[in-house]
Amino acid sequence: MFDLSAIQSALKQFGFDGWLLYDFRGSNVLAQRVLQMPAGFHGSRRYFYFIPAVGTPTKLVHRIETDVLNHLPGEKMIYLRWQELEAAVQKMVAGHKTVAMEYSPRNGNPYISRVDAGTVELVRSFGCDVVSSGDLISLFESVLTDEQLRSHLAASEVTNSAFARAWKFIADEVRKTGAVEEMAVSDEIMRHFSEHGLTTYSPPIVGVDGNGGNPHYATGTGADTMIREGRFVLIDLWAKQTTPGACYSDLTRTGYVGKSVPEKFTKIFNIVAAARDAGIACAQSAFSNGRSLTGGEVDDAVRAVIENAGYGEYFCHRTGHNLAQEVHGNGTHMDNLETNETRRILPRTLFTIEPGIYLPDFGVRSEINVFIHADGRVQVTGGPLQTAVVPILAEL
């Protein structure tokens, strides 16, 4: 349900005079979601919706699509000519100095940069300071309801137990036949999800040795995909319940096919785990002290551990991402590498922390999910933290 009072409260909280939401033929999916456009909506003309921090919203629609915003409150203006559109936009934002839009300075964060430069120029020409709506998007896209949190925690129980099933499957197959294909392990995990009522947009990643050294490896595509004794295995899996609005769990762990784990693997794992834990500590410190925290700061804290250990060049992706109804949600990401993530981490949001070191012959990633409670408490979900590489052939 569209909640005007909540949006106007947020505008006041963030110090914005208004929020101008604009879309043309699906160019701004974030605006469509905030405005709760009907499923399957396809408009052919530009529309605007302006929400002032105080007062009544205004809609601007084309004469041949006058009904596209009828489900929203506010006064309607109709345009036909482009001159009428520009005049109407000027009228909408008149008297409002700071106007939020889906814009990112210098395109530092393309996840929220959905409004074209020309439209931003138009609004600025009317004396407005166009600022990023990034924190607003995080608030209305990624803050979880109680039911969504319950769905995530329920999914986390299943994803956590999927690892035990995968390790046992590998051990059993290696003992019986000497080896097992990556894809067979992935299929076993998918059976586990199906048996427990979970769904996923894509099967898990199972990567052996150098295949696991590819951060976005596709299971079964490497030169050598057989898992056998003496090999290192990375498993990255994600799934959610099938109920509407359910939220994902997304976890990564590593194991070694043997009864004990060689030091070269343990050394790298310990660095990655220390980096992961530095991210948790960063969040705990900020929220316990009532200090705002950006996603970029978490990335910096995590990355510093790996860089100080001398492996910075082998950590080639952001620290984490927002987690919601999609695996990669539209809220704040843990990133100061690929994007300039200056959005705040908000209470009641969920995200991953997943540092990795990717070497030519193996890769280590340790991925956890973190939820920030309304009172600032930081909760790691998905079972206990992995504290050591799993010795897959040990008697567990």
Protein backbone atom coordinates (compact mmCIF):
# COMPACT_ATOMS: atom_id res chain seq x y z
CA MET A 1 0.00 0.00 0.00
CA PHE A 2 1.31 3.45 -0.94
CA ASP A 3 2.00 5.28 2.33
CA LEU A 4 2.16 9.02 1.69
CA SER A 5 2.59 9.94 5.34
CA ALA A 6 5.62 7.62 5.67
CA ILE A 7 7.25 9.14 2.59
CA GLN A 8 6.67 12.69 3.78
CA SER A 9 8.05 11.79 7.20
CA ALA A 10 11.17 10.40 5.52
CA LEU A 11 11.57 13.55 3.42
CA LYS A 12 11.62 15.59 6.60
CA GLN A 13 14.03 13.12 8.23
CA PHE A 14 16.51 13.40 5.36
CA GLY A 15 16.07 17.16 4.96
CA PHE A 16 14.52 17.13 1.46
CA ASP A 17 11.82 19.55 0.31
CA GLY A 18 10.33 17.01 -2.05
CA TRP A 19 10.76 13.86 -4.13
CA LEU A 20 10.21 14.02 -7.88
CA LEU A 21 9.61 10.55 -9.32
CA TYR A 22 9.88 10.27 -13.09
CA ASP A 23 9.65 7.41 -15.58
CA PHE A 24 9.62 6.93 -19.34
CA ARG A 25 8.92 3.48 -20.77
CA GLY A 26 10.30 1.66 -17.75
CA SER A 27 13.55 3.63 -17.58
CA ASN A 28 13.12 4.08 -13.82
CA VAL A 29 12.15 0.77 -12.25
CA LEU A 30 12.76 2.26 -8.81
CA ALA A 31 10.10 4.92 -9.38
CA GLN A 32 7.72 2.24 -10.62
CA ARG A 33 8.21 0.26 -7.43
CA VAL A 34 7.89 3.24 -5.08
CA LEU A 35 4.73 4.31 -6.89
CA GLN A 36 3.46 0.72 -6.87
CA MET A 37 2.62 0.74 -10.55
CA PRO A 38 0.40 -2.23 -11.48
CA ALA A 39 2.05 -5.52 -12.38
CA GLY A 40 2.83 -5.64 -16.07
CA PHE A 41 2.45 -1.88 -16.49
CA HIS A 42 3.86 -0.53 -19.78
CA GLY A 43 3.48 3.19 -20.37
CA SER A 44 4.45 4.90 -23.59
CA ARG A 45 4.65 8.51 -22.39
CA ARG A 46 6.56 10.37 -19.67
CA TYR A 47 4.94 10.81 -16.28
CA PHE A 48 6.01 12.63 -13.12
CA TYR A 49 4.83 12.40 -9.52
CA PHE A 50 5.96 15.04 -7.04
CA ILE A 51 5.71 14.43 -3.30
CA PRO A 52 6.37 17.54 -1.21
CA ALA A 53 7.59 17.16 2.35
CA VAL A 54 4.46 19.06 3.36
CA GLY A 55 1.28 19.30 1.34
CA THR A 56 -0.51 17.49 -1.47
CA PRO A 57 1.32 15.50 -4.19
CA THR A 58 1.01 16.43 -7.84
CA LYS A 59 0.84 14.11 -10.86
CA LEU A 60 1.74 14.96 -14.43
CA VAL A 61 0.51 12.64 -17.19
CA HIS A 62 0.09 12.69 -20.96
CA ARG A 63 -3.30 13.32 -22.56
CA ILE A 64 -3.48 9.83 -24.07
CA GLU A 65 -2.51 8.15 -20.77
CA THR A 66 -4.38 10.22 -18.23
CA ASP A 67 -5.16 7.28 -15.96
CA VAL A 68 -1.66 5.91 -15.30
CA LEU A 69 -1.37 7.47 -11.81
CA ASN A 70 -5.01 7.26 -10.82
CA HIS A 71 -4.20 4.88 -7.97
CA LEU A 72 -2.17 7.60 -6.22
CA PRO A 73 -3.37 10.60 -4.22
CA GLY A 74 -2.86 14.16 -5.44
CA GLU A 75 -3.82 16.76 -8.00
CA LYS A 76 -3.50 15.88 -11.68
CA MET A 77 -2.01 17.96 -14.47
CA ILE A 78 -2.22 16.86 -18.12
CA TYR A 79 0.16 17.76 -20.93
CA LEU A 80 0.22 17.21 -24.66
CA ARG A 81 3.02 19.39 -26.02
CA TRP A 82 6.56 19.24 -24.67
CA GLN A 83 6.30 22.93 -23.78
CA GLU A 84 3.32 22.09 -21.57
CA LEU A 85 5.33 19.32 -19.91
CA GLU A 86 8.20 21.65 -19.03
CA ALA A 87 5.87 24.34 -17.72
CA ALA A 88 4.04 21.78 -15.59
CA VAL A 89 7.28 20.41 -14.10
CA GLN A 90 8.27 23.96 -13.21
CA LYS A 91 4.94 24.46 -11.49
CA MET A 92 5.30 21.17 -9.59
CA VAL A 93 8.67 22.01 -8.06
CA ALA A 94 8.16 25.76 -7.60
CA GLY A 95 9.19 26.88 -4.14
CA HIS A 96 11.03 23.64 -3.36
CA LYS A 97 14.78 24.07 -3.14
CA THR A 98 16.05 20.53 -2.45
CA VAL A 99 14.42 17.95 -4.69
CA ALA A 100 15.36 14.26 -4.54
CA MET A 101 15.50 12.19 -7.72
CA GLU A 102 16.95 8.83 -8.77
CA TYR A 103 20.27 10.47 -9.50
CA SER A 104 23.84 9.86 -8.36
CA PRO A 105 26.53 12.56 -8.56
CA ARG A 106 29.05 11.63 -11.27
CA ASN A 107 27.09 8.36 -11.61
CA GLY A 108 29.03 7.16 -8.58
CA ASN A 109 26.28 4.65 -7.81
CA PRO A 110 24.60 3.35 -11.00
CA TYR A 111 22.17 1.23 -8.99
CA ILE A 112 20.22 4.37 -8.13
CA SER A 113 21.11 6.54 -11.15
CA ARG A 114 17.92 6.03 -13.19
CA VAL A 115 17.03 9.57 -14.34
CA ASP A 116 18.70 10.86 -17.51
CA ALA A 117 20.95 13.92 -17.44
CA GLY A 118 18.56 15.99 -19.54
CA THR A 119 15.70 15.59 -17.10
CA VAL A 120 17.98 16.53 -14.21
CA GLU A 121 19.06 19.61 -16.21
CA LEU A 122 15.43 20.55 -16.72
CA VAL A 123 14.60 20.40 -13.01
CA ARG A 124 17.76 22.29 -12.08
CA SER A 125 16.85 25.03 -14.55
CA PHE A 126 13.91 25.86 -12.31
CA GLY A 127 16.24 26.72 -9.42
CA CYS A 128 16.13 23.34 -7.69
CA ASP A 129 19.06 21.57 -6.11
CA VAL A 130 18.65 18.00 -7.37
CA VAL A 131 19.99 15.52 -4.81
CA SER A 132 20.15 11.75 -4.71
CA SER A 133 17.11 9.84 -3.49
CA GLY A 134 19.38 6.94 -2.55
CA ASP A 135 18.54 6.89 1.15
CA LEU A 136 14.84 7.14 0.33
CA ILE A 137 15.16 4.19 -2.04
CA SER A 138 16.92 2.19 0.68
CA LEU A 139 14.15 3.06 3.13
CA PHE A 140 11.24 2.09 0.90
CA GLU A 141 12.90 -0.76 -0.99
CA SER A 142 14.87 -2.59 1.67
CA VAL A 143 13.35 -2.06 5.13
CA LEU A 144 11.83 -5.42 6.06
CA THR A 145 8.49 -6.10 7.69
CA ASP A 146 8.31 -8.53 10.60
CA GLU A 147 6.93 -11.17 8.22
CA GLN A 148 9.76 -10.64 5.75
CA LEU A 149 12.33 -11.03 8.50
CA ARG A 150 10.63 -14.26 9.61
CA SER A 151 10.76 -15.51 6.02
CA HIS A 152 14.47 -14.76 5.83
CA LEU A 153 15.20 -16.52 9.10
CA ALA A 154 13.19 -19.56 8.01
CA ALA A 155 15.05 -19.68 4.70
CA SER A 156 18.34 -19.32 6.59
CA GLU A 157 17.68 -22.50 8.55
CA VAL A 158 17.37 -24.40 5.28
CA THR A 159 20.35 -22.78 3.56
CA ASN A 160 22.50 -23.41 6.62
CA SER A 161 21.54 -27.10 6.68
CA ALA A 162 22.18 -27.35 2.93
CA PHE A 163 25.92 -27.14 3.58
CA ALA A 164 25.92 -30.17 5.88
CA ARG A 165 24.03 -32.11 3.22
CA ALA A 166 26.45 -30.99 0.50
CA TRP A 167 29.58 -31.89 2.50
CA LYS A 168 28.13 -35.31 3.33
CA PHE A 169 27.14 -35.91 -0.29
CA ILE A 170 30.67 -35.08 -1.44
CA ALA A 171 32.21 -37.33 1.23
CA ASP A 172 29.91 -40.24 0.41
CA GLU A 173 30.50 -40.00 -3.33
CA VAL A 174 34.28 -39.64 -2.99
CA ARG A 175 34.44 -42.66 -0.68
CA LYS A 176 32.27 -44.73 -3.05
CA THR A 177 33.61 -43.78 -6.47
CA GLY A 178 36.61 -41.54 -5.85
CA ALA A 179 35.07 -38.37 -7.29
CA VAL A 180 31.89 -36.37 -7.85
CA GLU A 181 30.99 -33.67 -10.37
CA GLU A 182 30.41 -30.07 -9.27
CA MET A 183 27.02 -30.20 -10.98
CA ALA A 184 25.95 -33.25 -9.02
CA VAL A 185 26.59 -31.34 -5.79
CA SER A 186 24.61 -28.38 -7.10
CA ASP A 187 21.74 -30.70 -8.00
CA GLU A 188 21.79 -32.19 -4.49
CA ILE A 189 21.50 -28.72 -2.98
CA MET A 190 18.59 -27.92 -5.28
CA ARG A 191 16.84 -31.11 -4.12
CA HIS A 192 17.35 -29.95 -0.54
CA PHE A 193 15.71 -26.61 -1.34
CA SER A 194 12.78 -28.28 -3.08
CA GLU A 195 12.20 -30.69 -0.21
CA HIS A 196 12.04 -27.75 2.22
CA GLY A 197 9.84 -25.47 0.14
CA LEU A 198 12.44 -22.98 -1.03
CA THR A 199 12.92 -21.43 -4.45
CA THR A 200 15.81 -19.64 -6.12
CA TYR A 201 16.34 -17.64 -9.28
CA SER A 202 19.55 -19.56 -10.08
CA PRO A 203 21.29 -22.75 -8.91
CA PRO A 204 24.19 -22.50 -6.46
CA ILE A 205 27.84 -22.07 -7.33
CA VAL A 206 30.00 -25.12 -6.66
CA GLY A 207 33.62 -24.52 -7.62
CA VAL A 208 36.57 -26.86 -7.12
CA ASP A 209 40.15 -25.55 -6.85
CA GLY A 210 40.78 -22.87 -9.51
CA ASN A 211 37.11 -22.77 -10.45
CA GLY A 212 36.40 -21.38 -6.99
CA GLY A 213 39.02 -18.73 -7.70
CA ASN A 214 36.58 -17.20 -10.21
CA PRO A 215 34.18 -15.02 -8.15
CA HIS A 216 31.28 -15.47 -10.58
CA TYR A 217 32.01 -19.00 -11.70
CA ALA A 218 29.18 -20.97 -13.30
CA THR A 219 29.06 -24.51 -11.96
CA GLY A 220 30.33 -27.16 -14.35
CA THR A 221 32.01 -24.85 -16.86
CA GLY A 222 35.63 -25.14 -15.68
CA ALA A 223 38.36 -27.13 -17.36
CA ASP A 224 38.26 -29.67 -14.51
CA THR A 225 35.02 -30.00 -12.57
CA MET A 226 35.66 -33.25 -10.70
CA ILE A 227 35.76 -33.06 -6.90
CA ARG A 228 38.09 -35.65 -5.39
CA GLU A 229 40.33 -36.12 -2.38
CA GLY A 230 42.91 -33.37 -1.91
CA ARG A 231 40.81 -30.69 -3.61
CA PHE A 232 39.32 -27.45 -2.28
CA VAL A 233 35.61 -26.65 -2.70
CA LEU A 234 33.71 -23.36 -2.56
CA ILE A 235 29.89 -23.41 -2.31
CA ASP A 236 27.78 -20.27 -2.68
CA LEU A 237 24.03 -20.79 -2.35
CA TRP A 238 20.91 -18.64 -2.04
CA ALA A 239 17.18 -19.32 -1.72
CA LYS A 240 13.93 -18.02 -0.25
CA GLN A 241 10.44 -19.19 0.62
CA THR A 242 7.78 -19.20 -2.09
CA THR A 243 5.39 -16.86 -0.26
CA PRO A 244 4.86 -13.33 -1.69
CA GLY A 245 7.37 -10.82 -0.34
CA ALA A 246 9.73 -13.48 1.01
CA CYS A 247 13.39 -12.53 1.42
CA TYR A 248 16.49 -14.46 0.45
CA SER A 249 19.22 -16.07 2.49
CA ASP A 250 22.62 -15.99 0.73
CA LEU A 251 25.65 -17.82 2.17
CA THR A 252 29.10 -18.99 1.06
CA ARG A 253 31.37 -21.55 2.77
CA THR A 254 34.41 -23.60 1.88
CA GLY A 255 35.64 -27.15 2.47
CA TYR A 256 38.63 -29.39 1.74
CA VAL A 257 38.25 -32.99 0.61
CA GLY A 258 40.37 -34.62 3.28
CA LYS A 259 40.47 -35.49 6.97
CA SER A 260 42.53 -32.40 7.82
CA VAL A 261 43.07 -29.07 6.06
CA PRO A 262 46.53 -28.08 4.76
CA GLU A 263 48.00 -24.87 6.14
CA LYS A 264 47.97 -23.03 2.80
CA PHE A 265 44.17 -23.13 2.78
CA THR A 266 43.83 -22.35 6.47
CA LYS A 267 46.08 -19.29 6.14
CA ILE A 268 43.94 -17.70 3.43
CA PHE A 269 40.70 -18.65 5.15
CA ASN A 270 41.81 -17.00 8.39
CA ILE A 271 42.54 -13.72 6.59
CA VAL A 272 39.14 -13.77 4.89
CA ALA A 273 37.38 -14.62 8.17
CA ALA A 274 39.18 -11.78 9.96
CA ALA A 275 38.05 -9.37 7.23
CA ARG A 276 34.47 -10.63 7.52
CA ASP A 277 34.56 -10.15 11.28
CA ALA A 278 35.95 -6.63 10.87
CA GLY A 279 32.82 -5.80 8.87
CA ILE A 280 30.59 -7.10 11.64
CA ALA A 281 32.56 -5.12 14.22
CA CYS A 282 32.29 -1.96 12.12
CA ALA A 283 28.50 -2.23 12.04
CA GLN A 284 28.27 -3.08 15.73
CA SER A 285 30.41 -0.12 16.73
CA ALA A 286 28.47 2.38 14.64
CA PHE A 287 25.00 1.28 15.71
CA SER A 288 25.88 0.84 19.37
CA ASN A 289 27.13 4.43 19.38
CA GLY A 290 24.17 5.79 17.44
CA ARG A 291 26.39 6.85 14.53
CA SER A 292 25.20 6.73 10.92
CA LEU A 293 27.11 4.24 8.80
CA THR A 294 27.47 4.06 5.03
CA GLY A 295 27.96 0.95 2.94
CA GLY A 296 31.28 2.32 1.76
CA GLU A 297 32.61 2.45 5.32
CA VAL A 298 31.92 -1.25 5.85
CA ASP A 299 33.68 -2.06 2.60
CA ASP A 300 36.70 -0.01 3.71
CA ALA A 301 36.90 -1.79 7.07
CA VAL A 302 36.74 -5.24 5.48
CA ARG A 303 39.08 -4.47 2.60
CA ALA A 304 41.73 -3.01 4.91
CA VAL A 305 42.25 -6.40 6.59
CA ILE A 306 42.91 -8.17 3.29
CA GLU A 307 45.07 -5.36 1.95
CA ASN A 308 47.14 -5.25 5.14
CA ALA A 309 47.71 -8.99 4.81
CA GLY A 310 49.14 -8.42 1.33
CA TYR A 311 46.27 -9.88 -0.71
CA GLY A 312 44.41 -6.73 -1.74
CA GLU A 313 44.78 -7.42 -5.47
CA TYR A 314 43.04 -10.77 -5.00
CA PHE A 315 39.90 -9.25 -3.49
CA CYS A 316 38.27 -8.07 -6.70
CA HIS A 317 34.65 -7.32 -5.81
CA ARG A 318 32.62 -5.28 -3.35
CA THR A 319 32.27 -6.51 0.21
CA GLY A 320 28.53 -7.15 0.06
CA HIS A 321 25.10 -6.27 -1.25
CA ASN A 322 21.62 -5.48 -0.05
CA LEU A 323 19.51 -8.58 0.46
CA ALA A 324 15.73 -8.54 0.15
CA GLN A 325 13.11 -10.04 -2.17
CA GLU A 326 15.91 -10.24 -4.75
CA VAL A 327 19.35 -11.61 -3.94
CA HIS A 328 20.85 -8.30 -5.03
CA GLY A 329 18.33 -5.83 -3.68
CA ASN A 330 18.03 -2.09 -4.32
CA GLY A 331 19.08 -0.99 -0.84
CA THR A 332 22.51 -0.01 0.42
CA HIS A 333 25.42 -2.15 -0.78
CA MET A 334 28.71 -2.64 1.09
CA ASP A 335 30.84 -1.02 -1.56
CA ASN A 336 33.56 1.56 -1.93
CA LEU A 337 35.36 -0.28 -4.73
CA GLU A 338 33.07 -0.62 -7.72
CA THR A 339 30.72 2.21 -6.74
CA ASN A 340 30.80 5.17 -4.38
CA GLU A 341 28.17 3.88 -1.93
CA THR A 342 27.39 6.83 0.33
CA ARG A 343 23.92 5.62 1.29
CA ARG A 344 23.34 4.93 4.93
CA ILE A 345 22.71 1.46 6.31
CA LEU A 346 19.24 1.75 7.77
CA PRO A 347 17.62 -0.10 10.66
CA ARG A 348 15.57 -3.15 9.69
CA THR A 349 17.63 -3.79 6.57
CA LEU A 350 19.52 -6.90 5.57
CA PHE A 351 22.82 -7.21 3.72
CA THR A 352 25.71 -9.56 3.04
CA ILE A 353 29.32 -9.35 4.10
CA GLU A 354 31.34 -11.61 1.80
CA PRO A 355 35.05 -10.90 1.44
CA GLY A 356 37.15 -13.22 -0.69
CA ILE A 357 40.67 -13.95 -1.82
CA TYR A 358 40.83 -15.48 -5.30
CA LEU A 359 44.07 -17.17 -6.24
CA PRO A 360 44.84 -19.06 -9.46
CA ASP A 361 44.54 -22.50 -7.85
CA PHE A 362 41.73 -21.89 -5.34
CA GLY A 363 39.46 -19.20 -3.93
CA VAL A 364 38.12 -18.51 -0.45
CA ARG A 365 34.96 -16.53 0.24
CA SER A 366 33.08 -16.35 3.54
CA GLU A 367 29.60 -14.92 3.13
CA ILE A 368 27.22 -14.09 5.95
CA ASN A 369 23.95 -12.18 6.21
CA VAL A 370 23.53 -9.29 8.65
CA PHE A 371 20.27 -7.77 9.87
CA ILE A 372 20.10 -4.43 11.68
CA HIS A 373 17.26 -4.39 14.19
CA ALA A 374 15.18 -1.29 14.87
CA ASP A 375 17.05 -0.77 18.15
CA GLY A 376 20.43 -0.97 16.39
CA ARG A 377 21.23 -4.53 17.40
CA VAL A 378 23.35 -6.29 14.77
CA GLN A 379 22.33 -9.89 14.10
CA VAL A 380 24.28 -12.35 11.97
CA THR A 381 21.80 -14.83 10.47
CA GLY A 382 22.25 -18.19 8.74
CA GLY A 383 23.78 -20.25 11.52
CA PRO A 384 27.14 -20.01 13.29
CA LEU A 385 30.01 -18.22 11.62
CA GLN A 386 32.35 -20.53 9.75
CA THR A 387 35.57 -20.45 11.77
CA ALA A 388 37.62 -22.99 9.81
CA VAL A 389 37.65 -24.74 6.45
CA VAL A 390 35.50 -27.87 6.67
CA PRO A 391 37.54 -31.13 6.49
CA ILE A 392 34.98 -32.93 4.32
CA LEU A 393 36.30 -36.49 4.84
CA ALA A 394 36.62 -36.16 8.62
CA GLU A 395 34.08 -38.01 10.73
CA LEU A 396 31.57 -35.23 11.39
